[in-house]
Amino acid sequence: MQPTTDHVRHYLLDLQARITAALEQVEAEAGGSARFLADAWRKPAGERLQGDGLTKILENGAVFERAGCGFSHVSGPQLPPSATQHRPELAGAPFEAMGVSLVFHPRNPYVPTVHMNVRMIMARPAGGEPVCWFGGGMDLTPFYGFEEDARHFHQACKQSLADFGADKYPRFKAWCDEYFTLKHRGEQRGVGGIFYDDFADLGPEGSFAMMRSVGDAFLGAYLPIVERRQGMAHGQRERDFQLYRRGRYVEFNLVWDRGTHFGLQSGGRTESILLSMPPHATWAYQWQPEPGSPEHDLYTKFIVPREWA
């Protein structure tokens, strides 16, 4: 049985609400008063895309410098190229797409940045039945590496897929390692996690169930790491390195990320598409970490493909 768009929409809005409420609780427990600004939007009539969404953004918090969590539900007359590169038979078909996407940029350099996204796309080819597929995953981008954190995150990812086949975690883990690579630098973005796209292997209902399992696993994968690291002492050196590594995050999202490209190519809402950007980032010409330093460890021991779970 194919899930209705109403079922998927209800799940995604509930997921967004649960995640943002949990982050507000983290902020409150740390003595902060920052809350998510909720910005509901609707595409005006006559634009390429129709639809609506809810962008939630928290800035200048005690724990999170910037945390964005957006829901969007849009439809359009023609799938953009980024959505049909693996499905050429659907080129030109009208479509409907909805999802939740988040990126959290913590204040403390010892707390990793995190990304999670779950989504469904439905195409309606002329003269044919609707075709739907799913995508998503989550990945962790530390500035300073901790084995305990990477293993916990990957174990949570693995557990979220356990009911859907023993092949899913190793397949999606490898896919994540391949996808979240800055190809122009030959460098991983972080320690990875899981990623999948154009997925309908389990049928519409089974694939939707797997998407829900991934979304529901996010808070348990990330918040224990935040709790362990948010109070660690740090100085200007760690802050400078955090900002430098954030520059890599910007590079990936603008140059390689298919979600960013899909949104911009299809005429999506730019402010919401770019909520993943950090508030501050820096670049340095040909900078290299000092051998034996914690920064060097990140490059040699963590942002390289490894088996974590």
Protein backbone atom coordinates (compact mmCIF):
# COMPACT_ATOMS: atom_id res chain seq x y z
CA MET A 1 0.00 0.00 0.00
CA GLN A 2 1.37 3.40 -0.99
CA PRO A 3 1.49 5.95 1.86
CA THR A 4 -0.58 9.04 1.20
CA THR A 5 1.04 12.45 1.12
CA ASP A 6 -1.09 13.34 4.17
CA HIS A 7 0.47 10.46 6.16
CA VAL A 8 4.00 11.48 5.22
CA ARG A 9 3.34 15.15 5.88
CA HIS A 10 1.90 14.42 9.33
CA TYR A 11 4.93 12.33 10.27
CA LEU A 12 7.42 14.94 9.08
CA LEU A 13 5.78 17.84 10.91
CA ASP A 14 5.64 15.78 14.10
CA LEU A 15 9.32 14.83 13.71
CA GLN A 16 10.29 18.48 13.28
CA ALA A 17 8.30 19.43 16.39
CA ARG A 18 9.88 16.68 18.51
CA ILE A 19 13.43 17.54 17.47
CA THR A 20 13.11 21.30 17.98
CA ALA A 21 11.44 20.80 21.37
CA ALA A 22 14.33 18.56 22.45
CA LEU A 23 16.90 21.19 21.42
CA GLU A 24 15.04 23.90 23.29
CA GLN A 25 15.20 21.65 26.36
CA VAL A 26 18.98 21.31 25.93
CA GLU A 27 19.26 25.09 25.74
CA ALA A 28 17.09 25.57 28.84
CA GLU A 29 19.09 23.03 30.87
CA ALA A 30 22.28 24.89 29.93
CA GLY A 31 20.81 28.13 31.27
CA GLY A 32 20.05 29.60 27.87
CA SER A 33 16.87 31.32 26.76
CA ALA A 34 17.14 30.85 22.97
CA ARG A 35 14.09 29.39 21.26
CA PHE A 36 13.27 28.42 17.70
CA LEU A 37 11.73 31.09 15.53
CA ALA A 38 8.94 29.43 13.52
CA ASP A 39 8.59 30.92 10.04
CA ALA A 40 5.63 29.46 8.13
CA TRP A 41 5.71 30.20 4.43
CA ARG A 42 3.73 29.55 1.25
CA LYS A 43 4.85 29.91 -2.33
CA PRO A 44 2.87 32.69 -4.07
CA ALA A 45 0.55 31.73 -6.93
CA GLY A 46 2.18 31.94 -10.32
CA GLU A 47 5.64 30.76 -9.26
CA ARG A 48 7.26 27.62 -10.68
CA LEU A 49 6.77 25.76 -7.41
CA GLN A 50 3.62 25.59 -5.34
CA GLY A 51 3.45 24.53 -1.72
CA ASP A 52 4.28 25.51 1.80
CA GLY A 53 6.66 24.86 4.62
CA LEU A 54 7.76 25.66 8.13
CA THR A 55 11.31 26.85 8.76
CA LYS A 56 12.49 26.76 12.36
CA ILE A 57 15.70 28.51 13.28
CA LEU A 58 17.48 28.99 16.61
CA GLU A 59 20.38 31.44 16.81
CA ASN A 60 22.80 32.66 19.49
CA GLY A 61 21.96 29.93 21.94
CA ALA A 62 24.01 28.82 24.94
CA VAL A 63 24.72 25.46 23.27
CA PHE A 64 23.91 26.03 19.60
CA GLU A 65 25.24 29.00 17.71
CA ARG A 66 22.80 28.24 14.91
CA ALA A 67 20.34 25.38 14.50
CA GLY A 68 18.04 25.14 11.52
CA CYS A 69 15.29 22.56 11.03
CA GLY A 70 13.05 22.98 8.03
CA PHE A 71 9.95 21.25 6.68
CA SER A 72 8.86 21.79 3.10
CA HIS A 73 6.10 20.36 0.92
CA VAL A 74 6.18 21.52 -2.67
CA SER A 75 4.95 20.46 -6.09
CA GLY A 76 6.02 21.48 -9.54
CA PRO A 77 5.40 20.82 -13.24
CA GLN A 78 8.76 19.21 -13.95
CA LEU A 79 11.36 17.32 -11.90
CA PRO A 80 14.69 19.19 -11.78
CA PRO A 81 17.81 17.50 -13.24
CA SER A 82 19.20 16.66 -9.78
CA ALA A 83 16.18 14.39 -9.15
CA THR A 84 16.21 12.53 -12.46
CA GLN A 85 19.89 11.72 -12.97
CA HIS A 86 19.16 8.17 -11.73
CA ARG A 87 15.61 8.06 -13.16
CA PRO A 88 15.81 9.42 -16.71
CA GLU A 89 12.43 7.91 -17.59
CA LEU A 90 10.79 10.46 -15.27
CA ALA A 91 12.44 13.52 -16.83
CA GLY A 92 9.79 16.17 -17.36
CA ALA A 93 7.20 14.57 -15.07
CA PRO A 94 5.30 16.70 -12.58
CA PHE A 95 6.27 15.99 -8.99
CA GLU A 96 5.56 16.47 -5.31
CA ALA A 97 8.33 16.53 -2.71
CA MET A 98 8.36 16.85 1.05
CA GLY A 99 10.94 16.45 3.74
CA VAL A 100 12.58 17.59 6.93
CA SER A 101 16.19 18.73 6.82
CA LEU A 102 18.32 19.99 9.68
CA VAL A 103 21.83 21.18 10.40
CA PHE A 104 22.94 22.13 13.92
CA HIS A 105 26.07 24.22 14.44
CA PRO A 106 27.14 24.03 18.12
CA ARG A 107 29.01 26.76 19.95
CA ASN A 108 31.61 24.55 21.67
CA PRO A 109 34.23 23.26 19.18
CA TYR A 110 34.23 19.89 20.95
CA VAL A 111 30.57 19.34 20.04
CA PRO A 112 30.24 18.13 16.44
CA THR A 113 28.04 19.64 13.80
CA VAL A 114 25.28 17.31 12.67
CA HIS A 115 23.04 16.95 9.63
CA MET A 116 19.89 14.87 9.16
CA ASN A 117 17.40 14.70 6.33
CA VAL A 118 14.42 12.50 5.49
CA ARG A 119 12.29 13.04 2.41
CA MET A 120 9.85 11.61 -0.11
CA ILE A 121 9.50 12.49 -3.78
CA MET A 122 6.49 11.45 -5.85
CA ALA A 123 6.41 11.79 -9.63
CA ARG A 124 3.30 11.52 -11.77
CA PRO A 125 4.33 10.43 -15.28
CA ALA A 126 1.80 11.05 -18.05
CA GLY A 127 -0.48 8.07 -18.47
CA GLY A 128 1.12 6.14 -15.62
CA GLU A 129 0.72 5.48 -11.93
CA PRO A 130 2.43 7.77 -9.40
CA VAL A 131 5.96 6.69 -8.54
CA CYS A 132 7.38 7.51 -5.11
CA TRP A 133 10.82 7.08 -3.61
CA PHE A 134 12.56 8.06 -0.40
CA GLY A 135 15.90 9.40 0.74
CA GLY A 136 17.66 10.54 3.83
CA GLY A 137 20.21 9.80 6.48
CA MET A 138 22.37 11.56 9.02
CA ASP A 139 26.06 12.33 9.34
CA LEU A 140 28.36 13.71 12.01
CA THR A 141 31.04 16.35 11.44
CA PRO A 142 33.36 16.73 14.44
CA PHE A 143 36.05 19.37 14.74
CA TYR A 144 37.88 17.32 17.36
CA GLY A 145 37.56 13.57 17.16
CA PHE A 146 36.42 11.21 19.93
CA GLU A 147 36.20 7.48 19.24
CA GLU A 148 33.37 7.11 21.74
CA ASP A 149 31.24 9.67 19.91
CA ALA A 150 31.81 8.27 16.43
CA ARG A 151 31.04 4.72 17.56
CA HIS A 152 27.88 5.78 19.39
CA PHE A 153 26.58 7.70 16.39
CA HIS A 154 27.23 4.86 13.97
CA GLN A 155 25.75 2.27 16.31
CA ALA A 156 22.54 4.31 16.50
CA CYS A 157 22.46 4.55 12.71
CA LYS A 158 23.00 0.82 12.40
CA GLN A 159 20.25 0.04 14.88
CA SER A 160 17.78 2.27 13.01
CA LEU A 161 18.18 0.02 9.95
CA ALA A 162 18.33 -3.34 11.73
CA ASP A 163 14.70 -4.28 10.98
CA PHE A 164 15.03 -3.61 7.27
CA GLY A 165 17.77 -6.01 6.23
CA ALA A 166 21.34 -6.76 7.28
CA ASP A 167 22.63 -5.19 4.08
CA LYS A 168 21.22 -1.71 4.77
CA TYR A 169 23.74 -0.31 7.27
CA PRO A 170 26.92 -1.35 5.41
CA ARG A 171 25.38 -0.24 2.12
CA PHE A 172 24.19 3.14 3.40
CA LYS A 173 27.34 3.69 5.48
CA ALA A 174 29.50 3.25 2.37
CA TRP A 175 27.10 5.48 0.41
CA CYS A 176 27.48 8.17 3.09
CA ASP A 177 31.27 7.97 2.97
CA GLU A 178 31.18 8.34 -0.80
CA TYR A 179 28.58 11.10 -0.87
CA PHE A 180 29.90 13.39 1.88
CA THR A 181 33.28 13.85 0.23
CA LEU A 182 34.71 17.16 -0.91
CA LYS A 183 35.83 15.76 -4.24
CA HIS A 184 37.73 18.91 -5.15
CA ARG A 185 39.88 18.41 -2.04
CA GLY A 186 39.88 14.62 -1.77
CA GLU A 187 38.65 14.98 1.79
CA GLN A 188 35.80 13.55 3.86
CA ARG A 189 33.41 16.05 5.43
CA GLY A 190 33.23 14.19 8.74
CA VAL A 191 32.98 10.72 10.25
CA GLY A 192 29.93 9.88 8.15
CA GLY A 193 26.85 7.99 9.20
CA ILE A 194 24.23 6.73 6.75
CA PHE A 195 22.88 8.11 3.50
CA TYR A 196 20.52 6.77 0.86
CA ASP A 197 18.65 8.23 -2.07
CA ASP A 198 16.19 7.16 -4.77
CA PHE A 199 15.13 4.33 -2.47
CA ALA A 200 12.02 2.21 -3.07
CA ASP A 201 13.46 -1.30 -2.58
CA LEU A 202 11.05 -2.20 0.22
CA GLY A 203 7.95 -0.98 -1.60
CA PRO A 204 6.21 2.28 -0.69
CA GLU A 205 5.06 1.26 2.80
CA GLY A 206 8.27 -0.52 3.79
CA SER A 207 10.43 2.30 2.46
CA PHE A 208 8.33 4.84 4.38
CA ALA A 209 8.72 2.73 7.54
CA MET A 210 12.50 2.76 7.12
CA MET A 211 12.46 6.53 6.65
CA ARG A 212 10.52 6.89 9.90
CA SER A 213 12.99 4.67 11.74
CA VAL A 214 15.91 6.81 10.59
CA GLY A 215 14.16 10.04 11.57
CA ASP A 216 13.14 8.68 14.96
CA ALA A 217 16.73 7.58 15.72
CA PHE A 218 18.24 11.04 15.33
CA LEU A 219 17.87 12.44 18.86
CA GLY A 220 19.28 9.29 20.45
CA ALA A 221 22.21 9.36 18.05
CA TYR A 222 23.18 13.00 18.65
CA LEU A 223 22.06 14.36 22.01
CA PRO A 224 24.22 12.05 24.19
CA ILE A 225 27.26 13.43 22.35
CA VAL A 226 26.11 17.00 22.99
CA GLU A 227 25.68 16.24 26.68
CA ARG A 228 29.20 14.76 26.92
CA ARG A 229 30.99 17.62 25.16
CA GLN A 230 29.08 20.88 25.65
CA GLY A 231 30.86 21.78 28.91
CA MET A 232 34.43 21.07 27.79
CA ALA A 233 36.86 23.96 28.23
CA HIS A 234 38.26 25.45 25.02
CA GLY A 235 40.12 28.52 23.84
CA GLN A 236 40.83 30.60 20.76
CA ARG A 237 42.86 27.83 19.10
CA GLU A 238 39.89 25.46 19.13
CA ARG A 239 37.51 28.20 18.02
CA ASP A 240 39.77 29.13 15.08
CA PHE A 241 39.93 25.51 13.96
CA GLN A 242 36.16 25.14 14.27
CA LEU A 243 35.65 28.15 11.99
CA TYR A 244 38.21 26.83 9.50
CA ARG A 245 36.48 23.44 9.32
CA ARG A 246 33.10 25.14 8.96
CA GLY A 247 34.44 26.56 5.73
CA ARG A 248 34.63 23.00 4.41
CA TYR A 249 30.99 22.53 5.39
CA VAL A 250 30.02 25.56 3.32
CA GLU A 251 32.02 24.28 0.35
CA PHE A 252 30.30 20.91 0.39
CA ASN A 253 26.78 22.30 0.74
CA LEU A 254 27.17 24.77 -2.09
CA VAL A 255 29.24 22.69 -4.51
CA TRP A 256 28.13 19.07 -4.04
CA ASP A 257 24.92 18.74 -2.02
CA ARG A 258 22.06 17.37 -4.14
CA GLY A 259 19.42 18.71 -1.73
CA THR A 260 20.73 22.24 -2.13
CA HIS A 261 20.85 21.84 -5.90
CA PHE A 262 17.32 20.35 -6.00
CA GLY A 263 15.92 23.27 -4.04
CA LEU A 264 17.64 25.96 -6.07
CA GLN A 265 17.02 24.30 -9.46
CA SER A 266 13.34 23.81 -8.74
CA GLY A 267 12.75 27.38 -7.60
CA GLY A 268 12.56 26.67 -3.89
CA ARG A 269 12.71 29.20 -1.07
CA THR A 270 16.34 30.30 -0.85
CA GLU A 271 16.30 31.35 2.82
CA SER A 272 15.03 27.92 3.84
CA ILE A 273 17.35 26.00 1.50
CA LEU A 274 20.39 27.76 2.94
CA LEU A 275 19.47 27.38 6.62
CA SER A 276 22.32 24.84 6.76
CA MET A 277 24.93 27.59 6.52
CA PRO A 278 26.93 28.34 9.69
CA PRO A 279 26.80 31.87 11.11
CA HIS A 280 30.60 32.21 10.94
CA ALA A 281 33.28 30.42 8.91
CA THR A 282 36.82 31.14 7.74
CA TRP A 283 39.27 30.05 5.05
CA ALA A 284 43.07 30.04 5.17
CA TYR A 285 45.46 29.62 2.26
CA GLN A 286 47.24 26.23 2.31
CA TRP A 287 46.93 25.84 6.08
CA GLN A 288 48.21 22.53 7.47
CA PRO A 289 47.77 21.08 10.97
CA GLU A 290 50.82 20.52 13.12
CA PRO A 291 51.85 16.82 13.13
CA GLY A 292 50.83 15.08 16.34
CA SER A 293 48.27 17.75 17.25
CA PRO A 294 44.55 17.10 17.92
CA GLU A 295 43.80 18.92 14.69
CA HIS A 296 46.13 16.56 12.81
CA ASP A 297 44.39 13.60 14.47
CA LEU A 298 41.09 14.74 12.97
CA TYR A 299 42.53 14.44 9.47
CA THR A 300 44.40 11.18 9.97
CA LYS A 301 42.16 9.23 12.36
CA PHE A 302 38.61 10.51 11.93
CA ILE A 303 37.72 12.11 8.60
CA VAL A 304 38.85 9.02 6.74
CA PRO A 305 36.51 6.12 5.90
CA ARG A 306 36.53 3.71 8.85
CA GLU A 307 34.36 0.97 10.27
CA TRP A 308 32.83 2.48 13.41
CA ALA A 309 29.98 0.12 14.34
